Amino acid sequence: MKNLKEIWHDLTLTYTSDMGLIDELWNEIEKNYSGKNRHYHNLNHLEFMMKLAFEYKSELVDIDTLLFSVFYHDIVYNSKRSDNELKSAEIAKVRLKRLGLPSDRITKCHEQILATKEHGNDTESDTNFLVDFDLAILGDEHENYLDYTKKIRKEYSVYPDFFYNKGRKKVLRHFLEMDRIFKTNEFKMNFEEQARKNIRTELGEE
């Protein structure tokens, strides 16, 4: 797989020849995902999702829009706020308009990013794939899952253990109570069982 900057260049050159604009927007993405408090939601997270996007490319209807959604879905990330997805979606809307994307694709990108907040089931298959890419770490090997939990804790280091642990348990319970964590059949088949095992282990139930 190409690196993130190369993927960004290939993607955006379809819509504009303005290299100054392309580089300006890439630099913004790189800077935001490289913030000092980005222990998990960083460029490595983008690479992880991009790898999955290309792995499941044949299943996607509109890979361009999905790739833009990956790049922008966490461009705003503040552990003290609950409107990160909305702010990220709004930034995506403005930036993609500058790049010259058709309005229907901009709208779809906006909706896809918002879907990463609730992780619900969507009628649009690409949106379900995006949500599954975002949550795929839950169904990874336990060692990788454990590394993810440590990085998430660092991102929420502003909160004391008793407060963080209460909130974390609520999130994990929410996932376990879902009929299915992963919305696509492919991910449910490949990762659902491991995800539930990882979560129960974190909760001390395994």
N, C-alpha and C. Protein backbone atom coordinates (compact mmCIF):
# COMPACT_ATOMS: atom_id res chain seq x y z
N MET A 1 0.84 -1.20 0.00
CA MET A 1 0.00 0.00 0.00
C MET A 1 0.87 1.25 0.00
N LYS A 2 0.46 2.26 -0.73
CA LYS A 2 1.17 3.53 -0.74
C LYS A 2 1.04 4.20 0.62
N ASN A 3 1.93 5.18 0.90
CA ASN A 3 1.80 5.89 2.17
C ASN A 3 0.63 6.87 2.10
N LEU A 4 0.26 7.42 3.24
CA LEU A 4 -0.94 8.25 3.32
C LEU A 4 -0.87 9.47 2.40
N LYS A 5 0.28 10.10 2.33
CA LYS A 5 0.41 11.29 1.48
C LYS A 5 0.23 10.93 0.02
N GLU A 6 0.77 9.80 -0.40
CA GLU A 6 0.62 9.36 -1.79
C GLU A 6 -0.83 9.02 -2.09
N ILE A 7 -1.50 8.39 -1.14
CA ILE A 7 -2.92 8.08 -1.32
C ILE A 7 -3.72 9.37 -1.45
N TRP A 8 -3.40 10.34 -0.60
CA TRP A 8 -4.08 11.64 -0.64
C TRP A 8 -3.87 12.31 -1.99
N HIS A 9 -2.65 12.32 -2.49
CA HIS A 9 -2.36 12.96 -3.78
C HIS A 9 -3.12 12.26 -4.91
N ASP A 10 -3.08 10.94 -4.94
CA ASP A 10 -3.79 10.20 -5.99
C ASP A 10 -5.29 10.49 -5.94
N LEU A 11 -5.83 10.54 -4.74
CA LEU A 11 -7.26 10.76 -4.56
C LEU A 11 -7.69 12.15 -4.99
N THR A 12 -6.96 13.16 -4.54
CA THR A 12 -7.38 14.55 -4.79
C THR A 12 -7.11 15.00 -6.22
N LEU A 13 -6.10 14.43 -6.88
CA LEU A 13 -5.79 14.83 -8.25
C LEU A 13 -6.90 14.48 -9.23
N THR A 14 -7.82 13.63 -8.80
CA THR A 14 -8.99 13.32 -9.62
C THR A 14 -9.92 14.52 -9.71
N TYR A 15 -9.84 15.41 -8.73
CA TYR A 15 -10.81 16.50 -8.62
C TYR A 15 -10.22 17.89 -8.82
N THR A 16 -8.90 18.02 -8.67
CA THR A 16 -8.26 19.32 -8.86
C THR A 16 -6.81 19.13 -9.28
N SER A 17 -6.30 20.11 -10.00
CA SER A 17 -4.88 20.08 -10.38
C SER A 17 -4.08 21.10 -9.57
N ASP A 18 -4.74 21.69 -8.58
CA ASP A 18 -4.11 22.71 -7.75
C ASP A 18 -3.24 22.03 -6.67
N MET A 19 -1.96 21.85 -6.98
CA MET A 19 -1.08 21.16 -6.04
C MET A 19 -0.88 21.94 -4.75
N GLY A 20 -0.95 23.26 -4.85
CA GLY A 20 -0.84 24.07 -3.64
C GLY A 20 -1.96 23.76 -2.67
N LEU A 21 -3.18 23.64 -3.19
CA LEU A 21 -4.34 23.32 -2.37
C LEU A 21 -4.23 21.90 -1.82
N ILE A 22 -3.84 20.97 -2.69
CA ILE A 22 -3.70 19.57 -2.26
C ILE A 22 -2.71 19.46 -1.11
N ASP A 23 -1.58 20.11 -1.23
CA ASP A 23 -0.57 20.05 -0.17
C ASP A 23 -1.01 20.79 1.08
N GLU A 24 -1.70 21.90 0.89
CA GLU A 24 -2.22 22.65 2.05
C GLU A 24 -3.15 21.79 2.89
N LEU A 25 -4.06 21.10 2.21
CA LEU A 25 -5.03 20.27 2.93
C LEU A 25 -4.37 19.03 3.53
N TRP A 26 -3.38 18.48 2.82
CA TRP A 26 -2.66 17.35 3.40
C TRP A 26 -1.91 17.77 4.67
N ASN A 27 -1.26 18.92 4.60
CA ASN A 27 -0.51 19.40 5.77
C ASN A 27 -1.43 19.60 6.98
N GLU A 28 -2.65 20.05 6.71
CA GLU A 28 -3.62 20.22 7.79
C GLU A 28 -3.99 18.86 8.41
N ILE A 29 -4.23 17.87 7.55
CA ILE A 29 -4.55 16.52 8.02
C ILE A 29 -3.39 15.97 8.84
N GLU A 30 -2.18 16.06 8.30
CA GLU A 30 -1.01 15.52 8.98
C GLU A 30 -0.79 16.19 10.33
N LYS A 31 -0.94 17.49 10.37
CA LYS A 31 -0.74 18.24 11.62
C LYS A 31 -1.77 17.84 12.66
N ASN A 32 -3.03 17.75 12.27
CA ASN A 32 -4.08 17.44 13.23
C ASN A 32 -3.95 16.03 13.80
N TYR A 33 -3.61 15.08 12.94
CA TYR A 33 -3.49 13.69 13.41
C TYR A 33 -2.15 13.43 14.11
N SER A 34 -1.28 14.42 14.12
CA SER A 34 0.01 14.28 14.79
C SER A 34 0.09 15.06 16.10
N GLY A 35 -1.05 15.52 16.59
CA GLY A 35 -1.08 16.30 17.82
C GLY A 35 -0.52 15.51 18.99
N LYS A 36 0.02 16.21 19.97
CA LYS A 36 0.71 15.56 21.09
C LYS A 36 -0.21 14.68 21.93
N ASN A 37 -1.51 14.92 21.88
CA ASN A 37 -2.45 14.10 22.64
C ASN A 37 -3.05 12.96 21.82
N ARG A 38 -2.54 12.81 20.60
CA ARG A 38 -3.05 11.76 19.72
C ARG A 38 -2.24 10.48 19.93
N HIS A 39 -2.65 9.68 20.87
CA HIS A 39 -1.93 8.43 21.15
C HIS A 39 -2.49 7.27 20.34
N TYR A 40 -3.80 7.31 20.06
CA TYR A 40 -4.41 6.28 19.21
C TYR A 40 -5.01 6.86 17.94
N HIS A 41 -5.79 7.92 18.07
CA HIS A 41 -6.45 8.52 16.90
C HIS A 41 -5.47 9.40 16.12
N ASN A 42 -4.48 8.74 15.57
CA ASN A 42 -3.38 9.43 14.88
C ASN A 42 -3.18 8.88 13.46
N LEU A 43 -2.04 9.17 12.87
CA LEU A 43 -1.78 8.72 11.50
C LEU A 43 -1.72 7.20 11.41
N ASN A 44 -1.31 6.53 12.47
CA ASN A 44 -1.30 5.06 12.46
C ASN A 44 -2.71 4.51 12.35
N HIS A 45 -3.65 5.18 13.01
CA HIS A 45 -5.06 4.78 12.92
C HIS A 45 -5.56 4.95 11.49
N LEU A 46 -5.16 6.03 10.84
CA LEU A 46 -5.54 6.24 9.44
C LEU A 46 -4.96 5.14 8.55
N GLU A 47 -3.70 4.81 8.77
CA GLU A 47 -3.06 3.76 7.97
C GLU A 47 -3.77 2.42 8.16
N PHE A 48 -4.14 2.13 9.39
CA PHE A 48 -4.86 0.90 9.72
C PHE A 48 -6.17 0.83 8.93
N MET A 49 -6.90 1.94 8.92
CA MET A 49 -8.17 1.98 8.20
C MET A 49 -7.98 1.96 6.69
N MET A 50 -6.95 2.64 6.21
CA MET A 50 -6.68 2.65 4.77
C MET A 50 -6.34 1.25 4.27
N LYS A 51 -5.58 0.52 5.04
CA LYS A 51 -5.23 -0.85 4.66
C LYS A 51 -6.49 -1.69 4.49
N LEU A 52 -7.42 -1.53 5.40
CA LEU A 52 -8.68 -2.26 5.32
C LEU A 52 -9.52 -1.79 4.12
N ALA A 53 -9.50 -0.49 3.86
CA ALA A 53 -10.28 0.04 2.73
C ALA A 53 -9.81 -0.56 1.42
N PHE A 54 -8.51 -0.68 1.25
CA PHE A 54 -8.00 -1.26 0.01
C PHE A 54 -8.16 -2.78 -0.01
N GLU A 55 -8.13 -3.39 1.14
CA GLU A 55 -8.34 -4.83 1.23
C GLU A 55 -9.76 -5.20 0.82
N TYR A 56 -10.73 -4.33 1.17
CA TYR A 56 -12.13 -4.60 0.86
C TYR A 56 -12.63 -3.72 -0.30
N LYS A 57 -11.73 -3.24 -1.11
CA LYS A 57 -12.06 -2.32 -2.20
C LYS A 57 -13.16 -2.87 -3.11
N SER A 58 -13.10 -4.15 -3.41
CA SER A 58 -14.06 -4.74 -4.34
C SER A 58 -15.49 -4.73 -3.79
N GLU A 59 -15.63 -4.54 -2.47
CA GLU A 59 -16.95 -4.53 -1.84
C GLU A 59 -17.53 -3.11 -1.77
N LEU A 60 -16.71 -2.11 -2.08
CA LEU A 60 -17.14 -0.72 -1.92
C LEU A 60 -17.78 -0.17 -3.19
N VAL A 61 -18.80 0.63 -3.02
CA VAL A 61 -19.50 1.25 -4.14
C VAL A 61 -18.77 2.51 -4.61
N ASP A 62 -18.36 3.33 -3.65
CA ASP A 62 -17.71 4.62 -3.96
C ASP A 62 -16.49 4.78 -3.06
N ILE A 63 -15.38 4.21 -3.49
CA ILE A 63 -14.18 4.22 -2.64
C ILE A 63 -13.64 5.62 -2.43
N ASP A 64 -13.78 6.50 -3.42
CA ASP A 64 -13.26 7.86 -3.27
C ASP A 64 -13.88 8.55 -2.06
N THR A 65 -15.20 8.53 -1.99
CA THR A 65 -15.88 9.18 -0.88
C THR A 65 -15.49 8.54 0.44
N LEU A 66 -15.41 7.22 0.46
CA LEU A 66 -15.03 6.53 1.70
C LEU A 66 -13.61 6.92 2.13
N LEU A 67 -12.69 7.03 1.18
CA LEU A 67 -11.32 7.42 1.54
C LEU A 67 -11.28 8.84 2.11
N PHE A 68 -12.06 9.74 1.53
CA PHE A 68 -12.14 11.09 2.09
C PHE A 68 -12.71 11.03 3.51
N SER A 69 -13.68 10.16 3.73
CA SER A 69 -14.26 10.01 5.07
C SER A 69 -13.22 9.49 6.06
N VAL A 70 -12.38 8.57 5.61
CA VAL A 70 -11.32 8.07 6.49
C VAL A 70 -10.37 9.21 6.85
N PHE A 71 -9.94 9.97 5.86
CA PHE A 71 -9.00 11.06 6.13
C PHE A 71 -9.56 12.09 7.11
N TYR A 72 -10.85 12.35 7.03
CA TYR A 72 -11.41 13.45 7.82
C TYR A 72 -12.19 13.01 9.06
N HIS A 73 -12.42 11.70 9.26
CA HIS A 73 -13.37 11.31 10.30
C HIS A 73 -12.92 11.68 11.72
N ASP A 74 -11.61 11.79 11.94
CA ASP A 74 -11.10 12.19 13.26
C ASP A 74 -10.20 13.42 13.16
N ILE A 75 -10.41 14.25 12.16
CA ILE A 75 -9.51 15.41 12.01
C ILE A 75 -9.65 16.33 13.23
N VAL A 76 -10.82 16.32 13.86
CA VAL A 76 -11.02 16.99 15.15
C VAL A 76 -11.16 15.89 16.19
N TYR A 77 -10.30 15.92 17.20
CA TYR A 77 -10.41 14.92 18.27
C TYR A 77 -9.96 15.53 19.58
N ASN A 78 -10.93 15.75 20.45
CA ASN A 78 -10.68 16.32 21.77
C ASN A 78 -11.42 15.45 22.78
N SER A 79 -10.67 14.77 23.65
CA SER A 79 -11.28 13.82 24.58
C SER A 79 -12.23 14.49 25.58
N LYS A 80 -12.20 15.80 25.67
CA LYS A 80 -13.08 16.52 26.59
C LYS A 80 -14.42 16.86 25.95
N ARG A 81 -14.56 16.62 24.64
CA ARG A 81 -15.77 17.04 23.92
C ARG A 81 -16.50 15.84 23.33
N SER A 82 -17.78 16.04 23.08
CA SER A 82 -18.59 14.97 22.50
C SER A 82 -19.06 15.29 21.08
N ASP A 83 -18.56 16.40 20.53
CA ASP A 83 -19.00 16.80 19.19
C ASP A 83 -17.88 16.69 18.16
N ASN A 84 -16.91 15.81 18.41
CA ASN A 84 -15.77 15.68 17.49
C ASN A 84 -16.20 15.26 16.09
N GLU A 85 -17.12 14.30 16.02
CA GLU A 85 -17.56 13.81 14.71
C GLU A 85 -18.27 14.91 13.92
N LEU A 86 -19.10 15.67 14.60
CA LEU A 86 -19.82 16.76 13.93
C LEU A 86 -18.84 17.80 13.41
N LYS A 87 -17.88 18.19 14.25
CA LYS A 87 -16.89 19.18 13.83
C LYS A 87 -16.03 18.64 12.68
N SER A 88 -15.68 17.37 12.76
CA SER A 88 -14.87 16.76 11.69
C SER A 88 -15.66 16.74 10.38
N ALA A 89 -16.94 16.39 10.47
CA ALA A 89 -17.79 16.34 9.28
C ALA A 89 -17.95 17.71 8.66
N GLU A 90 -18.05 18.73 9.49
CA GLU A 90 -18.20 20.10 8.98
C GLU A 90 -16.92 20.56 8.27
N ILE A 91 -15.78 20.22 8.84
CA ILE A 91 -14.51 20.57 8.19
C ILE A 91 -14.40 19.85 6.85
N ALA A 92 -14.76 18.57 6.83
CA ALA A 92 -14.71 17.80 5.59
C ALA A 92 -15.56 18.47 4.51
N LYS A 93 -16.73 18.92 4.88
CA LYS A 93 -17.64 19.54 3.93
C LYS A 93 -17.00 20.77 3.27
N VAL A 94 -16.36 21.58 4.09
CA VAL A 94 -15.73 22.81 3.58
C VAL A 94 -14.52 22.47 2.70
N ARG A 95 -13.69 21.54 3.16
CA ARG A 95 -12.47 21.20 2.40
C ARG A 95 -12.80 20.50 1.08
N LEU A 96 -13.77 19.61 1.09
CA LEU A 96 -14.11 18.88 -0.13
C LEU A 96 -14.76 19.80 -1.16
N LYS A 97 -15.45 20.82 -0.70
CA LYS A 97 -16.00 21.81 -1.62
C LYS A 97 -14.87 22.56 -2.32
N ARG A 98 -13.82 22.87 -1.57
CA ARG A 98 -12.65 23.55 -2.15
C ARG A 98 -11.96 22.66 -3.20
N LEU A 99 -11.99 21.35 -2.95
CA LEU A 99 -11.36 20.42 -3.88
C LEU A 99 -12.21 20.18 -5.13
N GLY A 100 -13.45 20.61 -5.10
CA GLY A 100 -14.31 20.49 -6.27
C GLY A 100 -15.11 19.20 -6.36
N LEU A 101 -15.31 18.53 -5.23
CA LEU A 101 -16.12 17.31 -5.26
C LEU A 101 -17.58 17.66 -5.53
N PRO A 102 -18.28 16.77 -6.22
CA PRO A 102 -19.71 16.98 -6.44
C PRO A 102 -20.45 17.03 -5.10
N SER A 103 -21.54 17.80 -5.05
CA SER A 103 -22.25 18.01 -3.79
C SER A 103 -22.80 16.73 -3.19
N ASP A 104 -23.19 15.77 -4.04
CA ASP A 104 -23.74 14.53 -3.49
C ASP A 104 -22.67 13.72 -2.75
N ARG A 105 -21.44 13.77 -3.24
CA ARG A 105 -20.35 13.07 -2.57
C ARG A 105 -19.96 13.78 -1.27
N ILE A 106 -20.02 15.09 -1.27
CA ILE A 106 -19.72 15.85 -0.05
C ILE A 106 -20.75 15.51 1.02
N THR A 107 -22.02 15.46 0.62
CA THR A 107 -23.09 15.11 1.56
C THR A 107 -22.89 13.69 2.10
N LYS A 108 -22.52 12.78 1.22
CA LYS A 108 -22.32 11.39 1.65
C LYS A 108 -21.16 11.29 2.63
N CYS A 109 -20.07 12.00 2.37
CA CYS A 109 -18.92 12.01 3.26
C CYS A 109 -19.32 12.55 4.63
N HIS A 110 -20.08 13.63 4.63
CA HIS A 110 -20.55 14.24 5.87
C HIS A 110 -21.36 13.22 6.68
N GLU A 111 -22.25 12.51 6.01
CA GLU A 111 -23.10 11.51 6.68
C GLU A 111 -22.26 10.33 7.19
N GLN A 112 -21.28 9.91 6.42
CA GLN A 112 -20.44 8.79 6.83
C GLN A 112 -19.65 9.13 8.10
N ILE A 113 -19.10 10.32 8.16
CA ILE A 113 -18.33 10.72 9.33
C ILE A 113 -19.23 10.78 10.57
N LEU A 114 -20.43 11.32 10.41
CA LEU A 114 -21.37 11.38 11.54
C LEU A 114 -21.71 9.98 12.03
N ALA A 115 -21.73 9.00 11.13
CA ALA A 115 -22.08 7.62 11.49
C ALA A 115 -21.04 6.99 12.41
N THR A 116 -19.82 7.52 12.41
CA THR A 116 -18.77 6.95 13.26
C THR A 116 -18.95 7.33 14.73
N LYS A 117 -19.96 8.14 15.02
CA LYS A 117 -20.22 8.50 16.42
C LYS A 117 -21.03 7.42 17.12
N GLU A 118 -22.12 6.99 16.49
CA GLU A 118 -23.03 6.03 17.13
C GLU A 118 -22.73 4.59 16.74
N HIS A 119 -22.01 4.39 15.64
CA HIS A 119 -21.67 3.05 15.15
C HIS A 119 -22.92 2.19 14.95
N GLY A 120 -23.97 2.81 14.43
CA GLY A 120 -25.20 2.08 14.18
C GLY A 120 -25.20 1.42 12.81
N ASN A 121 -26.27 0.68 12.55
CA ASN A 121 -26.40 0.03 11.25
C ASN A 121 -27.00 1.01 10.26
N ASP A 122 -26.42 1.11 9.09
CA ASP A 122 -26.86 2.07 8.09
C ASP A 122 -27.41 1.34 6.87
N THR A 123 -28.27 2.02 6.14
CA THR A 123 -28.81 1.42 4.91
C THR A 123 -27.79 1.49 3.79
N GLU A 124 -26.76 2.28 3.95
CA GLU A 124 -25.75 2.47 2.91
C GLU A 124 -24.54 1.61 3.22
N SER A 125 -24.21 0.69 2.34
CA SER A 125 -23.19 -0.32 2.65
C SER A 125 -21.80 0.28 2.87
N ASP A 126 -21.43 1.31 2.11
CA ASP A 126 -20.11 1.91 2.30
C ASP A 126 -19.98 2.51 3.69
N THR A 127 -21.06 3.09 4.19
CA THR A 127 -21.05 3.66 5.55
C THR A 127 -20.81 2.56 6.57
N ASN A 128 -21.44 1.42 6.38
CA ASN A 128 -21.23 0.29 7.29
C ASN A 128 -19.79 -0.19 7.25
N PHE A 129 -19.19 -0.20 6.07
CA PHE A 129 -17.78 -0.58 5.97
C PHE A 129 -16.89 0.42 6.70
N LEU A 130 -17.17 1.72 6.55
CA LEU A 130 -16.38 2.74 7.23
C LEU A 130 -16.44 2.54 8.75
N VAL A 131 -17.64 2.33 9.28
CA VAL A 131 -17.81 2.12 10.71
C VAL A 131 -17.05 0.87 11.15
N ASP A 132 -17.11 -0.19 10.34
CA ASP A 132 -16.40 -1.42 10.68
C ASP A 132 -14.89 -1.23 10.62
N PHE A 133 -14.41 -0.47 9.65
CA PHE A 133 -12.97 -0.18 9.59
C PHE A 133 -12.55 0.56 10.87
N ASP A 134 -13.38 1.48 11.31
CA ASP A 134 -13.07 2.29 12.48
C ASP A 134 -13.02 1.44 13.76
N LEU A 135 -13.87 0.41 13.81
CA LEU A 135 -13.96 -0.44 15.00
C LEU A 135 -13.16 -1.74 14.89
N ALA A 136 -12.49 -1.94 13.77
CA ALA A 136 -11.83 -3.23 13.52
C ALA A 136 -10.83 -3.62 14.60
N ILE A 137 -10.23 -2.63 15.26
CA ILE A 137 -9.26 -2.92 16.31
C ILE A 137 -9.89 -3.74 17.43
N LEU A 138 -11.19 -3.61 17.62
CA LEU A 138 -11.87 -4.36 18.68
C LEU A 138 -11.77 -5.87 18.44
N GLY A 139 -11.72 -6.26 17.17
CA GLY A 139 -11.66 -7.67 16.84
C GLY A 139 -10.29 -8.16 16.45
N ASP A 140 -9.27 -7.36 16.76
CA ASP A 140 -7.89 -7.73 16.44
C ASP A 140 -7.36 -8.73 17.48
N GLU A 141 -6.18 -9.24 17.24
CA GLU A 141 -5.53 -10.13 18.21
C GLU A 141 -5.46 -9.41 19.56
N HIS A 142 -5.54 -10.18 20.64
CA HIS A 142 -5.67 -9.56 21.96
C HIS A 142 -4.49 -8.64 22.29
N GLU A 143 -3.30 -9.00 21.85
CA GLU A 143 -2.12 -8.16 22.13
C GLU A 143 -2.29 -6.79 21.51
N ASN A 144 -2.81 -6.74 20.28
CA ASN A 144 -3.04 -5.46 19.60
C ASN A 144 -4.18 -4.69 20.27
N TYR A 145 -5.20 -5.42 20.69
CA TYR A 145 -6.32 -4.80 21.39
C TYR A 145 -5.84 -4.17 22.70
N LEU A 146 -4.99 -4.88 23.41
CA LEU A 146 -4.46 -4.38 24.68
C LEU A 146 -3.66 -3.10 24.47
N ASP A 147 -2.87 -3.07 23.40
CA ASP A 147 -2.10 -1.87 23.06
C ASP A 147 -3.03 -0.70 22.77
N TYR A 148 -4.12 -0.97 22.07
CA TYR A 148 -5.13 0.04 21.76
C TYR A 148 -5.74 0.61 23.05
N THR A 149 -6.07 -0.26 24.01
CA THR A 149 -6.69 0.22 25.26
C THR A 149 -5.74 1.13 26.04
N LYS A 150 -4.45 0.83 25.99
CA LYS A 150 -3.46 1.66 26.69
C LYS A 150 -3.36 3.04 26.04
N LYS A 151 -3.42 3.07 24.71
CA LYS A 151 -3.33 4.34 24.00
C LYS A 151 -4.58 5.19 24.21
N ILE A 152 -5.73 4.53 24.24
CA ILE A 152 -6.97 5.26 24.51
C ILE A 152 -6.92 5.87 25.92
N ARG A 153 -6.41 5.12 26.87
CA ARG A 153 -6.30 5.65 28.24
C ARG A 153 -5.42 6.89 28.27
N LYS A 154 -4.35 6.88 27.50
CA LYS A 154 -3.46 8.05 27.44
C LYS A 154 -4.20 9.26 26.87
N GLU A 155 -5.05 9.01 25.88
CA GLU A 155 -5.80 10.13 25.29
C GLU A 155 -6.78 10.73 26.29
N TYR A 156 -7.20 9.93 27.25
CA TYR A 156 -8.13 10.40 28.28
C TYR A 156 -7.42 10.59 29.62
N SER A 157 -6.13 10.85 29.56
CA SER A 157 -5.33 10.96 30.79
C SER A 157 -5.75 12.13 31.67
N VAL A 158 -6.49 13.07 31.11
CA VAL A 158 -6.98 14.20 31.90
C VAL A 158 -7.97 13.74 32.96
N TYR A 159 -8.56 12.55 32.78
CA TYR A 159 -9.56 12.05 33.72
C TYR A 159 -8.94 11.07 34.72
N PRO A 160 -9.30 11.15 35.99
CA PRO A 160 -8.80 10.18 36.99
C PRO A 160 -9.37 8.79 36.71
N ASP A 161 -8.70 7.77 37.26
CA ASP A 161 -9.07 6.38 36.97
C ASP A 161 -10.54 6.08 37.26
N PHE A 162 -11.03 6.51 38.40
CA PHE A 162 -12.41 6.14 38.77
C PHE A 162 -13.41 6.70 37.77
N PHE A 163 -13.13 7.88 37.26
CA PHE A 163 -14.04 8.52 36.30
C PHE A 163 -13.90 7.86 34.93
N TYR A 164 -12.65 7.64 34.52
CA TYR A 164 -12.40 7.02 33.21
C TYR A 164 -12.96 5.60 33.17
N ASN A 165 -12.69 4.82 34.21
CA ASN A 165 -13.11 3.42 34.22
C ASN A 165 -14.63 3.28 34.14
N LYS A 166 -15.33 4.19 34.79
CA LYS A 166 -16.79 4.17 34.74
C LYS A 166 -17.27 4.41 33.31
N GLY A 167 -16.69 5.41 32.66
CA GLY A 167 -17.09 5.73 31.29
C GLY A 167 -16.70 4.64 30.30
N ARG A 168 -15.51 4.08 30.52
CA ARG A 168 -15.03 3.01 29.63
C ARG A 168 -15.94 1.79 29.72
N LYS A 169 -16.33 1.41 30.93
CA LYS A 169 -17.21 0.26 31.11
C LYS A 169 -18.55 0.50 30.43
N LYS A 170 -19.03 1.71 30.47
CA LYS A 170 -20.31 2.04 29.83
C LYS A 170 -20.20 1.84 28.32
N VAL A 171 -19.09 2.28 27.74
CA VAL A 171 -18.86 2.12 26.31
C VAL A 171 -18.77 0.64 25.94
N LEU A 172 -18.01 -0.12 26.71
CA LEU A 172 -17.83 -1.54 26.42
C LEU A 172 -19.15 -2.30 26.56
N ARG A 173 -19.93 -1.97 27.58
CA ARG A 173 -21.24 -2.60 27.75
C ARG A 173 -22.15 -2.31 26.56
N HIS A 174 -22.05 -1.08 26.07
CA HIS A 174 -22.84 -0.68 24.91
C HIS A 174 -22.53 -1.58 23.71
N PHE A 175 -21.26 -1.86 23.50
CA PHE A 175 -20.88 -2.73 22.39
C PHE A 175 -21.40 -4.16 22.60
N LEU A 176 -21.26 -4.67 23.81
CA LEU A 176 -21.70 -6.04 24.08
C LEU A 176 -23.22 -6.19 23.94
N GLU A 177 -23.95 -5.12 24.22
CA GLU A 177 -25.41 -5.18 24.14
C GLU A 177 -25.94 -5.04 22.72
N MET A 178 -25.06 -4.67 21.78
CA MET A 178 -25.47 -4.60 20.38
C MET A 178 -25.76 -5.99 19.84
N ASP A 179 -26.74 -6.08 18.95
CA ASP A 179 -27.01 -7.36 18.30
C ASP A 179 -25.78 -7.82 17.54
N ARG A 180 -25.11 -6.85 16.94
CA ARG A 180 -23.87 -7.12 16.23
C ARG A 180 -22.99 -5.88 16.30
N ILE A 181 -21.75 -6.05 16.69
CA ILE A 181 -20.81 -4.93 16.75
C ILE A 181 -20.46 -4.48 15.33
N PHE A 182 -20.18 -5.45 14.48
CA PHE A 182 -19.81 -5.15 13.10
C PHE A 182 -21.02 -5.25 12.18
N LYS A 183 -21.17 -4.27 11.32
CA LYS A 183 -22.39 -4.12 10.53
C LYS A 183 -22.35 -4.87 9.21
N THR A 184 -21.17 -5.09 8.66
CA THR A 184 -21.08 -5.84 7.41
C THR A 184 -20.94 -7.33 7.72
N ASN A 185 -21.45 -8.14 6.83
CA ASN A 185 -21.37 -9.59 7.04
C ASN A 185 -19.93 -10.06 7.08
N GLU A 186 -19.07 -9.43 6.27
CA GLU A 186 -17.66 -9.81 6.21
C GLU A 186 -16.97 -9.62 7.56
N PHE A 187 -17.19 -8.49 8.16
CA PHE A 187 -16.54 -8.21 9.44
C PHE A 187 -17.18 -8.98 10.58
N LYS A 188 -18.48 -9.16 10.51
CA LYS A 188 -19.15 -9.94 11.56
C LYS A 188 -18.59 -11.37 11.57
N MET A 189 -18.43 -11.93 10.40
CA MET A 189 -17.94 -13.30 10.30
C MET A 189 -16.49 -13.42 10.77
N ASN A 190 -15.67 -12.42 10.43
CA ASN A 190 -14.23 -12.51 10.70
C ASN A 190 -13.80 -11.98 12.06
N PHE A 191 -14.55 -11.03 12.63
CA PHE A 191 -14.04 -10.32 13.81
C PHE A 191 -14.99 -10.24 15.00
N GLU A 192 -16.26 -10.56 14.82
CA GLU A 192 -17.24 -10.38 15.89
C GLU A 192 -16.88 -11.18 17.14
N GLU A 193 -16.59 -12.46 16.96
CA GLU A 193 -16.32 -13.33 18.10
C GLU A 193 -15.11 -12.86 18.90
N GLN A 194 -14.04 -12.49 18.19
CA GLN A 194 -12.83 -12.01 18.86
C GLN A 194 -13.08 -10.68 19.56
N ALA A 195 -13.87 -9.80 18.94
CA ALA A 195 -14.17 -8.51 19.54
C ALA A 195 -14.89 -8.69 20.87
N ARG A 196 -15.88 -9.56 20.89
CA ARG A 196 -16.63 -9.79 22.13
C ARG A 196 -15.74 -10.42 23.20
N LYS A 197 -14.85 -11.29 22.78
CA LYS A 197 -13.91 -11.90 23.73
C LYS A 197 -12.97 -10.85 24.29
N ASN A 198 -12.42 -9.97 23.44
CA ASN A 198 -11.53 -8.90 23.90
C ASN A 198 -12.23 -7.99 24.89
N ILE A 199 -13.46 -7.62 24.58
CA ILE A 199 -14.20 -6.70 25.44
C ILE A 199 -14.52 -7.35 26.78
N ARG A 200 -14.96 -8.60 26.76
CA ARG A 200 -15.26 -9.29 28.02
C ARG A 200 -14.00 -9.46 28.87
N THR A 201 -12.86 -9.68 28.20
CA THR A 201 -11.60 -9.79 28.92
C THR A 201 -11.24 -8.47 29.60
N GLU A 202 -11.43 -7.38 28.89
CA GLU A 202 -11.14 -6.06 29.48
C GLU A 202 -12.05 -5.80 30.67
N LEU A 203 -13.26 -6.28 30.59
CA LEU A 203 -14.22 -6.09 31.69
C LEU A 203 -13.99 -7.08 32.84
N GLY A 204 -13.05 -8.01 32.62
CA GLY A 204 -12.74 -8.99 33.66
C GLY A 204 -13.73 -10.14 33.71
N GLU A 205 -14.40 -10.37 32.57
CA GLU A 205 -15.42 -11.42 32.52
C GLU A 205 -14.93 -12.67 31.80
N GLU A 206 -13.71 -12.66 31.32
CA GLU A 206 -13.14 -13.82 30.60
C GLU A 206 -12.00 -14.43 31.42
